[in-house]
Amino acid sequence: MNRRNLFTVALPILAASLAAFAQSTQAGKLDFLKSKDSSFALFANSSFGATSANRYADELLLITGLPSNPVISARIDLLGPAKPSCCGGLRNVVLSPDGDTALVSSDPQDKLPSTLFLLRNVRAFARSKSPDDLRVRAFSEKDIPQLHTVAGLAFGPDGRWAVVNTDGPGVIDGSYTRAKGTVVVITGLPDAPEFSEPFPVPMHSLGNIDLSLNGGTLLLNDTTDFEGVSSGGPKSDQIIVRGIRPGSSPRVVGAYTFPTPAGYPFGPNPVRDARLTLDGRFVIAPIGLAREIDAQRVYLGVNQIAILGPVQNGKLELARLLTEADGVTGGPFQAGVSPDGDTALVTNVLDNGGANLVTGLRSADVTQIRIKQLPFQFFGPPFPLGPSGPAVLAPHGQAMFTPDGDTALVINWITPPVAANGVKPSLSVLTGFRSGNIHLEANLSDPTFNPIDQRQQIATQPSGLMDYLNLYLPAGEYKEVLARFVTQAIAAADGGDRNTAANLLFNFIETSSSRSVPTLATVATAGIQALFGSTEVVPAAGLRSGGVAPGSIATLFGAGFSNGSESAHSRPLPITLAGVELRIFDSVGAQMLVPLYSVSPTRIDFLVPAGISAGPATLVVWLDGEISGAATFDVDRLAPGLFTANTAGDAAAVLQRLRTDGSNTVERIDGPIDLGAETDEVYLILFGTGLRKGPDLSSVTALIGGRQVAVTYAGAQADFDGLDQVNLRLPRSLAGAGRVKIELIVAGCDANPVSVNIR
């Protein structure tokens, strides 16, 4: 994305905090690898639903004493005297991976513009409980148009960049019939933020967003979409974006729509909230619809949780639908994924309590996903509504785990009219997830506490690499060795020795790979990227963000990979070129050296080993014996891509012409294609990669100018390692078509479109 510096605007907020800018200390580059503090959280309290009888404040709350004694320890009035008179205020909050930075968004109300707040020194503030220790900056849409109506927030893996989604620009008409969403990437965090140009996404409403652990996959929740809806209520869309990292080219790679079935009395949103698994391969989407209301006026839920995926270059599809037969209860509503990557707590809304515990998410086999019952039906403070009322009045909302993976915070929200009658909303603290002794530890309730139905109203620190070690590995020498690598790497980075720090993190990846825990390698790789810069692996054909296939040609983009440029000119391909060497660790821990096509300071073209296992993989770049970069990427069975001849997207292709006289010629394409005499058989031979593992020709579909054409071959090209080809027969009906688009779909996976010109 192109970026430009934009001026910030200072709102009248926390004069003492602004004065504290000069007193803060710079966080270390690898601080995000440390163990995090599980005793505190931030809460965006909102005035939404306020009445004259019940006033909620627009404040950021510091909650400390977790898990046993949660209390509100500090209140920060971010909006100051410019705050709205009612019904808006703060919206969402997230904490950075190092725990020292927070982003907070506000809703635009009255004459107050949408505002994004950047808070520094959060760790010191959590210790002292004094707002004077915070540093606060405010960015308004009046000065930064990209920030029109900021909604979802997400930090990148090292906390130096973040993503926000917005609705705009333009007037919010509330019809939810126009796709006007955008995504904006913020770089230079936390000291010198810069805002990218907005990338348009097909969103109609302001849902939450979720970023995979490596920052490569973004999930957008379009919670309310009336576009094209004639009956049955709104749709909910789950949208996947790849290439969102700084310096990459974002694109929507897949979407899935949940309609409201005809005849359902209530919604209004089929899916209110969805989450990515840590590796970004699957989406958990609780379906919060009510199928009916019983005689006691109790809502009965549909009781379904959808698992979408795997996320790849093609379509996003339903992989499994968990139902009441699997144990789903209570109108599942919102989800929180545990740091162990295997568990999600899906809260219930329609039975006024309880939750579904989803397990088995680390498995690539969705049949292994299970619903595990909690040892108690309800949680939250007992708010009986008369002798025949439900045991717990407060429906559950957002669920957020603490970084140690042992505790979950669950919002119990109350609609304002009920709250005005003395029924208080609260925050439930569940703990014991690591031991399996899950129990209700405490509840936090306060008359001014307003956990409304938002999706990112509470934030805890993301887990660090040391936290993941505690989650995944038992005590012992093996764990101690890995912890020592991390501790020494952090110290080396603080001392300015990035080479030693990178080598220690590589030792960590190499040592931990035998345990086949990709999460550990992903976070360690983010540490190397924090030292050497962002990188991305993409298919060499099309250069689009997404997974790569075994035996295909791939490209690594970044900076500082080599001191010069060199290409291989013979087979077999070399594993060292201009002093550069690549090593890959796949999802089962196998380590392999990588054949190289070409290297340059900013780009490396390489052959993905044919024997690599599907799933998340880690790549490390070595230059003259020293690390010069690293990346994580996905290996998919198929990742079809087509090469182009130029930046205009013209296909890299040749023509094969068969004439009635028996001649068979292969021709270069130097201009518009001439189909020749009516008796000629003309074949377009496209070159690509990542498609040779397709099951058979029946799974390959090709469209030229929207018209389906015959595919006579799709597979390996014999002369170059990793190169594939596709042969298409050009029908006479295409004569005179002009410049047309070629679309190729292999076993449901879309290749990048290319073009040809037909005379």
Foldseek 3Di string as FASTA:
>chain_A
DDWDAFDADADPFDPLQQVCPVVDDDDFQALLQDFDDQFKWKFQWFQAQPDPLAGFARWIWIWGRPDFDTDGLETGRGCPPVDDPGHWHWFFKAAFSSRFKMWTWTFDDDPAFIKIKIKGRRVVCNVVVDSSNIHITIGGCVRVVQCGGWAAKAAAQSRQKIKIKHADDDDLPVPLAFQRMWMWMWGRPPPRTIIGDTDGDRASDRAYKEAANRRFKIWGWRFFHCHPPDAQAGKIKIWIWGQPPPPGDIDTQEMDIDGRDHPFPDANGQFREKYAQNQRQKIKTQGQTFRDADPVRATFAQQKIWIWGRDFNFYIGTPDIDGVVLPGGARFHYWEAFPLSFWIWTFHFRLQAATWIWGGRVDPRVVRIGTDGDPDGGDDDQDAPPPPGHRHNFGWAEWYHAQLRFKIKIWRADNSVVLSVVDWTWIWIWGGPLVSNIDTNDIGTDSNGHPDHHHRRMYHHHGHLLSNLSSPDDDDDLSVLLVVLSVVLSVCSVVVNNQSSLVSLVVNLLSCLQVLDVSNNSSSQVSNCSSQHDKAKDFPFPRHGGAFEAQAKIKMFDFQLAPAKDFDDDPPADQADNQKWKWKQASNGDIDTWGWGMDGRTMTITTHHNPGDFAKMKMWMGGNRTTNHIHIHTYDNADKAFHAPDPVQAFPWWKWKAAPVGDIDIGHDPAADEQPDQRIWMKIKTKIFRQQSFPDLVQKWKDKQNHTWHWPDWHPDPPDGRMIIIITTDHPVCAPVAKIKMWMAGNRRTYDIGIHTHD
